[in-house]
Every structure is written in structure tokens, then in C-alpha cells.
C-alpha atoms as a PDB file:
ATOM      1  CA  UNK A   1     -24.608  93.212 -62.026  1.00  0.00           C
ATOM      2  CA  UNK A   2     -26.655  91.782 -59.191  1.00  0.00           C
ATOM      3  CA  UNK A   3     -29.711  91.722 -61.500  1.00  0.00           C
ATOM      4  CA  UNK A   4     -27.845  89.644 -64.094  1.00  0.00           C
ATOM      5  CA  UNK A   5     -26.733  87.189 -61.419  1.00  0.00           C
ATOM      6  CA  UNK A   6     -30.198  86.911 -59.870  1.00  0.00           C
ATOM      7  CA  UNK A   7     -31.807  86.373 -63.287  1.00  0.00           C
ATOM      8  CA  UNK A   8     -29.241  83.674 -64.124  1.00  0.00           C
ATOM      9  CA  UNK A   9     -29.961  81.954 -60.818  1.00  0.00           C
ATOM     10  CA  UNK A  10     -33.733  82.119 -61.367  1.00  0.00           C
ATOM     11  CA  UNK A  11     -33.291  80.664 -64.870  1.00  0.00           C
ATOM     12  CA  UNK A  12     -31.122  77.882 -63.456  1.00  0.00           C
ATOM     13  CA  UNK A  13     -33.764  77.096 -60.822  1.00  0.00           C
ATOM     14  CA  UNK A  14     -36.424  76.820 -63.525  1.00  0.00           C
ATOM     15  CA  UNK A  15     -34.333  74.478 -65.673  1.00  0.00           C
ATOM     16  CA  UNK A  16     -33.298  72.009 -62.982  1.00  0.00           C
ATOM     17  CA  UNK A  17     -36.203  72.354 -60.508  1.00  0.00           C
ATOM     18  CA  UNK A  18     -33.827  72.836 -57.580  1.00  0.00           C
ATOM     19  CA  UNK A  19     -34.632  75.866 -55.496  1.00  0.00           C
ATOM     20  CA  UNK A  20     -32.407  78.355 -53.743  1.00  0.00           C
ATOM     21  CA  UNK A  21     -33.006  78.611 -50.028  1.00  0.00           C
ATOM     22  CA  UNK A  22     -31.234  81.930 -49.368  1.00  0.00           C
ATOM     23  CA  UNK A  23     -28.941  84.295 -51.245  1.00  0.00           C
ATOM     24  CA  UNK A  24     -27.002  87.489 -50.618  1.00  0.00           C
ATOM     25  CA  UNK A  25     -24.494  89.798 -52.205  1.00  0.00           C
ATOM     26  CA  UNK A  26     -21.445  90.726 -50.134  1.00  0.00           C
ATOM     27  CA  UNK A  27     -18.219  92.613 -50.800  1.00  0.00           C
ATOM     28  CA  UNK A  28     -15.302  90.215 -51.274  1.00  0.00           C
ATOM     29  CA  UNK A  29     -13.348  92.330 -48.781  1.00  0.00           C
ATOM     30  CA  UNK A  30     -15.669  90.910 -46.081  1.00  0.00           C
ATOM     31  CA  UNK A  31     -14.685  87.274 -46.777  1.00  0.00           C
ATOM     32  CA  UNK A  32     -12.813  85.502 -43.984  1.00  0.00           C
ATOM     33  CA  UNK A  33      -9.910  83.317 -45.109  1.00  0.00           C
ATOM     34  CA  UNK A  34      -8.603  80.535 -42.889  1.00  0.00           C
ATOM     35  CA  UNK A  35      -5.217  78.895 -43.082  1.00  0.00           C
ATOM     36  CA  UNK A  36      -6.666  76.174 -40.808  1.00  0.00           C
ATOM     37  CA  UNK A  37      -9.022  75.058 -43.601  1.00  0.00           C
ATOM     38  CA  UNK A  38      -6.095  74.410 -45.906  1.00  0.00           C
ATOM     39  CA  UNK A  39      -4.288  72.541 -43.124  1.00  0.00           C
ATOM     40  CA  UNK A  40      -7.396  70.372 -42.860  1.00  0.00           C
ATOM     41  CA  UNK A  41      -7.193  69.794 -46.616  1.00  0.00           C
ATOM     42  CA  UNK A  42      -3.623  68.566 -46.191  1.00  0.00           C
ATOM     43  CA  UNK A  43      -4.928  65.717 -44.005  1.00  0.00           C
ATOM     44  CA  UNK A  44      -7.084  64.666 -46.998  1.00  0.00           C
ATOM     45  CA  UNK A  45     -10.341  64.508 -45.037  1.00  0.00           C
ATOM     46  CA  UNK A  46     -12.421  64.642 -48.225  1.00  0.00           C
ATOM     47  CA  UNK A  47     -10.134  62.474 -50.352  1.00  0.00           C
ATOM     48  CA  UNK A  48      -9.373  65.116 -52.994  1.00  0.00           C
ATOM     49  CA  UNK A  49      -6.090  66.555 -51.711  1.00  0.00           C
ATOM     50  CA  UNK A  50      -3.434  66.438 -54.431  1.00  0.00           C
ATOM     51  CA  UNK A  51      -5.879  64.752 -56.819  1.00  0.00           C
ATOM     52  CA  UNK A  52      -7.889  67.632 -58.305  1.00  0.00           C
ATOM     53  CA  UNK A  53      -7.120  70.889 -60.092  1.00  0.00           C
ATOM     54  CA  UNK A  54      -9.609  72.677 -57.828  1.00  0.00           C
ATOM     55  CA  UNK A  55      -8.198  71.478 -54.521  1.00  0.00           C
ATOM     56  CA  UNK A  56      -4.904  72.041 -52.704  1.00  0.00           C
ATOM     57  CA  UNK A  57      -2.118  72.069 -53.484  1.00  0.00           C
ATOM     58  CA  UNK A  58      -3.039  72.639 -57.180  1.00  0.00           C
ATOM     59  CA  UNK A  59      -5.175  75.719 -56.431  1.00  0.00           C
ATOM     60  CA  UNK A  60      -2.174  77.556 -55.027  1.00  0.00           C
ATOM     61  CA  UNK A  61      -1.395  79.061 -51.678  1.00  0.00           C
ATOM     62  CA  UNK A  62      -3.870  80.823 -49.428  1.00  0.00           C
ATOM     63  CA  UNK A  63      -2.271  84.126 -50.433  1.00  0.00           C
ATOM     64  CA  UNK A  64      -2.659  83.346 -54.145  1.00  0.00           C
ATOM     65  CA  UNK A  65      -6.305  82.369 -53.657  1.00  0.00           C
ATOM     66  CA  UNK A  66      -7.005  85.463 -51.548  1.00  0.00           C
ATOM     67  CA  UNK A  67      -5.357  87.757 -54.126  1.00  0.00           C
ATOM     68  CA  UNK A  68      -7.385  86.202 -56.953  1.00  0.00           C
ATOM     69  CA  UNK A  69     -10.660  86.503 -55.042  1.00  0.00           C
ATOM     70  CA  UNK A  70      -9.963  90.030 -53.788  1.00  0.00           C
ATOM     71  CA  UNK A  71      -9.355  91.160 -57.382  1.00  0.00           C
ATOM     72  CA  UNK A  72     -13.169  91.056 -57.728  1.00  0.00           C
ATOM     73  CA  UNK A  73     -15.580  93.437 -55.998  1.00  0.00           C
ATOM     74  CA  UNK A  74     -18.509  91.288 -54.915  1.00  0.00           C
ATOM     75  CA  UNK A  75     -19.536  87.739 -54.168  1.00  0.00           C
ATOM     76  CA  UNK A  76     -23.048  86.456 -54.751  1.00  0.00           C
ATOM     77  CA  UNK A  77     -23.651  83.627 -52.282  1.00  0.00           C
ATOM     78  CA  UNK A  78     -26.546  81.174 -52.409  1.00  0.00           C
ATOM     79  CA  UNK A  79     -27.627  78.063 -50.555  1.00  0.00           C
ATOM     80  CA  UNK A  80     -29.879  75.091 -50.979  1.00  0.00           C
ATOM     81  CA  UNK A  81     -31.449  73.343 -47.982  1.00  0.00           C
ATOM     82  CA  UNK A  82     -32.314  69.658 -48.007  1.00  0.00           C
ATOM     83  CA  UNK A  83     -34.419  67.713 -45.524  1.00  0.00           C
ATOM     84  CA  UNK A  84     -32.999  64.493 -44.102  1.00  0.00           C
ATOM     85  CA  UNK A  85     -34.707  61.497 -42.517  1.00  0.00           C
ATOM     86  CA  UNK A  86     -32.403  61.888 -39.509  1.00  0.00           C
ATOM     87  CA  UNK A  87     -28.969  63.292 -38.705  1.00  0.00           C
ATOM     88  CA  UNK A  88     -27.309  60.089 -40.000  1.00  0.00           C
ATOM     89  CA  UNK A  89     -29.046  60.136 -43.406  1.00  0.00           C
ATOM     90  CA  UNK A  90     -25.894  59.982 -45.551  1.00  0.00           C
ATOM     91  CA  UNK A  91     -27.898  59.143 -48.686  1.00  0.00           C
ATOM     92  CA  UNK A  92     -30.030  62.248 -48.153  1.00  0.00           C
ATOM     93  CA  UNK A  93     -26.892  64.365 -47.670  1.00  0.00           C
ATOM     94  CA  UNK A  94     -25.371  62.955 -50.846  1.00  0.00           C
ATOM     95  CA  UNK A  95     -28.574  63.497 -52.825  1.00  0.00           C
ATOM     96  CA  UNK A  96     -28.788  67.053 -51.496  1.00  0.00           C
ATOM     97  CA  UNK A  97     -25.220  67.764 -52.565  1.00  0.00           C
ATOM     98  CA  UNK A  98     -25.921  66.339 -56.031  1.00  0.00           C
ATOM     99  CA  UNK A  99     -28.987  68.579 -56.416  1.00  0.00           C
ATOM    100  CA  UNK A 100     -27.023  71.594 -55.204  1.00  0.00           C
ATOM    101  CA  UNK A 101     -24.278  70.767 -57.701  1.00  0.00           C
ATOM    102  CA  UNK A 102     -26.809  70.491 -60.545  1.00  0.00           C
ATOM    103  CA  UNK A 103     -28.098  73.959 -59.659  1.00  0.00           C
ATOM    104  CA  UNK A 104     -24.567  75.373 -59.379  1.00  0.00           C
ATOM    105  CA  UNK A 105     -23.596  73.945 -62.784  1.00  0.00           C
ATOM    106  CA  UNK A 106     -26.748  75.259 -64.436  1.00  0.00           C
ATOM    107  CA  UNK A 107     -26.199  78.656 -62.796  1.00  0.00           C
ATOM    108  CA  UNK A 108     -22.657  78.724 -64.189  1.00  0.00           C
ATOM    109  CA  UNK A 109     -24.055  77.796 -67.614  1.00  0.00           C
ATOM    110  CA  UNK A 110     -26.562  80.654 -67.435  1.00  0.00           C
ATOM    111  CA  UNK A 111     -23.699  83.057 -66.679  1.00  0.00           C
ATOM    112  CA  UNK A 112     -21.601  81.652 -69.520  1.00  0.00           C
ATOM    113  CA  UNK A 113     -20.810  83.217 -72.850  1.00  0.00           C
ATOM    114  CA  UNK A 114     -19.416  81.724 -76.048  1.00  0.00           C
ATOM    115  CA  UNK A 115     -15.656  81.843 -76.202  1.00  0.00           C
ATOM    116  CA  UNK A 116     -13.058  80.687 -78.655  1.00  0.00           C
ATOM    117  CA  UNK A 117     -14.040  77.608 -80.673  1.00  0.00           C
ATOM    118  CA  UNK A 118     -17.608  77.955 -79.318  1.00  0.00           C
ATOM    119  CA  UNK A 119     -16.464  76.694 -75.928  1.00  0.00           C
ATOM    120  CA  UNK A 120     -18.893  77.952 -73.327  1.00  0.00           C
ATOM    121  CA  UNK A 121     -17.238  79.533 -70.304  1.00  0.00           C
ATOM    122  CA  UNK A 122     -18.185  81.814 -67.460  1.00  0.00           C
ATOM    123  CA  UNK A 123     -16.159  84.998 -67.086  1.00  0.00           C
ATOM    124  CA  UNK A 124     -17.166  84.921 -63.428  1.00  0.00           C
ATOM    125  CA  UNK A 125     -15.413  82.406 -61.160  1.00  0.00           C
ATOM    126  CA  UNK A 126     -17.909  80.028 -59.571  1.00  0.00           C
ATOM    127  CA  UNK A 127     -17.202  78.231 -56.302  1.00  0.00           C
ATOM    128  CA  UNK A 128     -19.257  75.331 -55.032  1.00  0.00           C
ATOM    129  CA  UNK A 129     -19.577  72.735 -52.320  1.00  0.00           C
ATOM    130  CA  UNK A 130     -16.619  70.374 -52.563  1.00  0.00           C
ATOM    131  CA  UNK A 131     -14.328  69.404 -55.386  1.00  0.00           C
ATOM    132  CA  UNK A 132     -15.074  70.275 -59.022  1.00  0.00           C
ATOM    133  CA  UNK A 133     -17.870  68.069 -60.393  1.00  0.00           C
ATOM    134  CA  UNK A 134     -17.191  68.574 -64.121  1.00  0.00           C
ATOM    135  CA  UNK A 135     -15.210  65.381 -64.750  1.00  0.00           C
ATOM    136  CA  UNK A 136     -17.186  63.195 -62.356  1.00  0.00           C
ATOM    137  CA  UNK A 137     -19.827  60.829 -63.644  1.00  0.00           C
ATOM    138  CA  UNK A 138     -20.418  57.705 -65.666  1.00  0.00           C
ATOM    139  CA  UNK A 139     -19.008  59.128 -68.907  1.00  0.00           C
ATOM    140  CA  UNK A 140     -15.891  60.613 -67.280  1.00  0.00           C
ATOM    141  CA  UNK A 141     -13.094  58.880 -65.406  1.00  0.00           C
ATOM    142  CA  UNK A 142     -12.586  61.760 -62.960  1.00  0.00           C
ATOM    143  CA  UNK A 143     -10.254  64.724 -62.757  1.00  0.00           C
ATOM    144  CA  UNK A 144      -7.324  64.531 -65.178  1.00  0.00           C
ATOM    145  CA  UNK A 145      -4.939  65.738 -62.454  1.00  0.00           C
ATOM    146  CA  UNK A 146      -1.925  65.778 -62.638  1.00  0.00           C
ATOM    147  CA  UNK A 147      -2.389  65.928 -66.423  1.00  0.00           C
ATOM    148  CA  UNK A 148      -3.778  69.219 -67.778  1.00  0.00           C
ATOM    149  CA  UNK A 149      -7.362  70.074 -66.857  1.00  0.00           C
ATOM    150  CA  UNK A 150      -9.705  68.994 -69.665  1.00  0.00           C
ATOM    151  CA  UNK A 151     -12.159  71.850 -69.070  1.00  0.00           C
ATOM    152  CA  UNK A 152     -10.279  74.807 -67.560  1.00  0.00           C
ATOM    153  CA  UNK A 153     -12.987  77.286 -68.596  1.00  0.00           C
ATOM    154  CA  UNK A 154     -15.729  75.191 -67.001  1.00  0.00           C
ATOM    155  CA  UNK A 155     -14.183  74.077 -63.723  1.00  0.00           C
ATOM    156  CA  UNK A 156     -15.803  74.981 -60.425  1.00  0.00           C
ATOM    157  CA  UNK A 157     -13.577  75.489 -57.427  1.00  0.00           C
ATOM    158  CA  UNK A 158     -14.379  74.611 -53.843  1.00  0.00           C
ATOM    159  CA  UNK A 159     -15.199  77.464 -51.452  1.00  0.00           C
ATOM    160  CA  UNK A 160     -13.270  75.732 -48.667  1.00  0.00           C
ATOM    161  CA  UNK A 161     -10.281  74.908 -50.912  1.00  0.00           C
ATOM    162  CA  UNK A 162      -9.960  78.657 -51.492  1.00  0.00           C
ATOM    163  CA  UNK A 163      -9.509  78.999 -47.743  1.00  0.00           C
ATOM    164  CA  UNK A 164     -12.910  80.635 -47.211  1.00  0.00           C
ATOM    165  CA  UNK A 165     -14.529  79.757 -43.913  1.00  0.00           C
ATOM    166  CA  UNK A 166     -18.141  78.905 -44.812  1.00  0.00           C
ATOM    167  CA  UNK A 167     -19.397  79.441 -41.262  1.00  0.00           C
ATOM    168  CA  UNK A 168     -18.012  82.980 -41.325  1.00  0.00           C
ATOM    169  CA  UNK A 169     -19.291  83.414 -44.891  1.00  0.00           C
ATOM    170  CA  UNK A 170     -22.806  82.587 -43.694  1.00  0.00           C
ATOM    171  CA  UNK A 171     -22.544  85.172 -40.896  1.00  0.00           C
ATOM    172  CA  UNK A 172     -21.217  87.863 -43.235  1.00  0.00           C
ATOM    173  CA  UNK A 173     -23.936  87.146 -45.805  1.00  0.00           C
ATOM    174  CA  UNK A 174     -26.612  86.812 -43.073  1.00  0.00           C
ATOM    175  CA  UNK A 175     -27.479  83.401 -44.456  1.00  0.00           C
ATOM    176  CA  UNK A 176     -28.387  80.545 -42.148  1.00  0.00           C
ATOM    177  CA  UNK A 177     -25.601  77.974 -41.826  1.00  0.00           C
ATOM    178  CA  UNK A 178     -27.561  75.430 -39.791  1.00  0.00           C
ATOM    179  CA  UNK A 179     -31.209  75.232 -40.818  1.00  0.00           C
ATOM    180  CA  UNK A 180     -32.237  72.996 -37.928  1.00  0.00           C
ATOM    181  CA  UNK A 181     -32.307  69.319 -37.133  1.00  0.00           C
ATOM    182  CA  UNK A 182     -32.485  66.822 -39.962  1.00  0.00           C
ATOM    183  CA  UNK A 183     -31.410  69.267 -42.649  1.00  0.00           C
ATOM    184  CA  UNK A 184     -28.231  69.911 -44.622  1.00  0.00           C
ATOM    185  CA  UNK A 185     -27.334  73.191 -46.308  1.00  0.00           C
ATOM    186  CA  UNK A 186     -24.889  73.636 -49.182  1.00  0.00           C
ATOM    187  CA  UNK A 187     -23.237  76.895 -50.297  1.00  0.00           C
ATOM    188  CA  UNK A 188     -22.035  78.223 -53.657  1.00  0.00           C
ATOM    189  CA  UNK A 189     -20.839  81.645 -54.761  1.00  0.00           C
ATOM    190  CA  UNK A 190     -19.871  83.596 -57.848  1.00  0.00           C
ATOM    191  CA  UNK A 191     -17.391  86.465 -57.952  1.00  0.00           C
ATOM    192  CA  UNK A 192     -17.864  89.616 -60.033  1.00  0.00           C
END
């Protein structure tokens, strides 16, 4: 399986010209879940609490998320690293996140198969950096929440909204969390 995932990631890199910084495969049993992350979500620090199908409370409880994730065997984790002008370069951080999201979406597409009515979906859950990006953009008005999700087979959940501590994830995967001054690193993962 790891070969299929790595080939899909390499194909995604080639299509969107965004490059993976580091990657690793880890057993899902090694993931560290944090109730504190979900408590942070409840304070709406990112602005997506109770407004997205891929963020709390819509994603379910920590126990529900953990059970779903632990029903898989492995997680393939990857990062992108982006240079910043300085530690206050918000535009650079935003651009880096957009590039990471483009790579994550293309990776998900490379893992996808044709489903009913030729709808393309990935049988492998993909988690990214922040709220689901599918319904964001000029042509879309944003997440349909609380109305039904428009693209349930395409949505990408947030690693943190699943209660996964990304700092601990980086340690478990032996991937660098902080790549030095004037950089930002974003994480995504797929379960299989």
C-alpha cells in the first residue's frame, strides 16, 4: 500500500509543482489524540467552529474520531515547508498553506477512484491543514453547513479537528515540526 500512496504523492507533486518536504508511514495506533485541541476548537480560534462539516462539533466527539481513525492500520504523513520573509510574514504563511492545500487536493485526486454516477472519491480518508477547502473559492460560497455537505466523498478533514496533536504526530513520524526561523510547515495525512 505504501507504494501506491508514494506514487500518488509523486504524481501530485508533478502536476502541481509543489514539493513534499518530508513524509513517513506510521501505525495509527501511535497517534496521540488530545481533548485539549477540541477544547481550543470550541473557543473558535480559527473561525470554523460550528460552521463546517469537517470541524467540531459536526465531526463528532473525540471518541468517535478516534474510533474512525483507529479502524485503519496506517497513516501516511507528509509535509511541505515554505520560506517566509520574516516571522510575521502572514502573506507568506497564507500562500504556503494554499500551496500545501493544492498538493493535498491533488494527492487525494490521485488516490481517487470512480464511484457511483462517475463521482470521483477517495476510499482513503485524507486529513489536511485546517478546515476543508473544497467549497472555498471564487466559484463557491463556502461550506454548506448546516445544510448537507455538497461533496461528502471529496471533503478533507482537519488533522487537529480530529483531535490529533500535530506536534506529537511529527515526533511519532520523525518529521520536523519546526524547520527553523522564517519558515512554516504544513502537515497532511491519509489513512489506509
